[in-house]
């Protein structure tokens, strides 16, 4: 069977629908309706910055507020942990354990080298995990500072400044995970208490599930992007795609094979440049860019440094028009208002700037305060 050929603009239009950033006409449902639904759609959403991932959810859920996101965390519908690539993600609570077992375990293999440099022994790391397990048992929730103090009280010194690695290790082992913030501080809880009924697929089902979710929420895109997103070796990435079976189909974009949910092809294949010119303001760690190794469909190469100024994986928040990055934005939140600095990367006339300012309205609703726009 010959794969469907798509022009880049058409592929981008479909990708924006997969990312829940554009309407999906022709699909059989209206899409996820709440926080748990969106997180389940993606399988995992990068979440080292809680405010960023909260707006990632708000941007996809009209009418959603920051309080709604925090309520979903408090109700244990979703949780934050380190399921893959050594990076914090928001995941469905019932899936956290198998994701750690299948995807996160790769990060543990490289821990010993780092520990040797820090002067941390495996025995000390394992003892720290048991200290934290005991301290958190019975529904306790401790801030990061309280966890570190607990380790100090147990005689685990920080001469090598490695105790923050121990908090990561306890979560990577599947003992702890993040709880909702306490004030402005991170907190930790026991994973078994926070997600007491984990789903436990076998390895092939797990790989197939994460492949289905990735390509459903990011496609059309490549096997290399999938491997980069999950941190899986190429053989496991291919195994996951094979396990997904008929849940995925292929297209070709500029000669490259890409995978996607076959239902997406029922939607019109008119790219954003030809029809959907919507303006969006997205947070810096959104799956829109973080979910891909090759970002050329969304981002001009000349703008890469403006989006990742340090080249270190810290992304600026983006202004997007028709699926393409056209600027960056930063917000300063006070009790009275949100002040947003807008910095275009392309020429924007008065009408274009007005449209960008109009795109701030959903964010104003999300944070529950008026937004003051300032152009750089």
Foldseek 3Di string as FASTA:
>chain_A
DAFAAAELLLFLQLQCVLQLNDAQPQFPDRADAADLRNQLLQQKAFPPPPVQVLVSRLSNHFLAASVRVLVCLVVLQWFWAQLAPLTIIIHGLQARVVSLVQQVVVVVVPVVVVCVVLVHDPVLLVVLLVLVLVVQPPPDKAFPVVSVVSSVVVVNDCPSVCVVVSVNVSRSVQQKGWGRADVPTIIIHGSCVSRVNHDDDPNLVVLLSNLLSNQSNRPQDDLVLSCVQRVNPSVSSVSNVVSVPLQWDWHAYPRDIGIHGVSSVSGDSRGLVRPPFAKAWHAFRGCLPVSGPDNVSAEDPVCVCVQVVVPPPGGFTFIGTSRHTFWGKDWDDDPAEIEIETEGPDDDDPVRVVSNVVNCVSVCSRHVHYYHYHYD
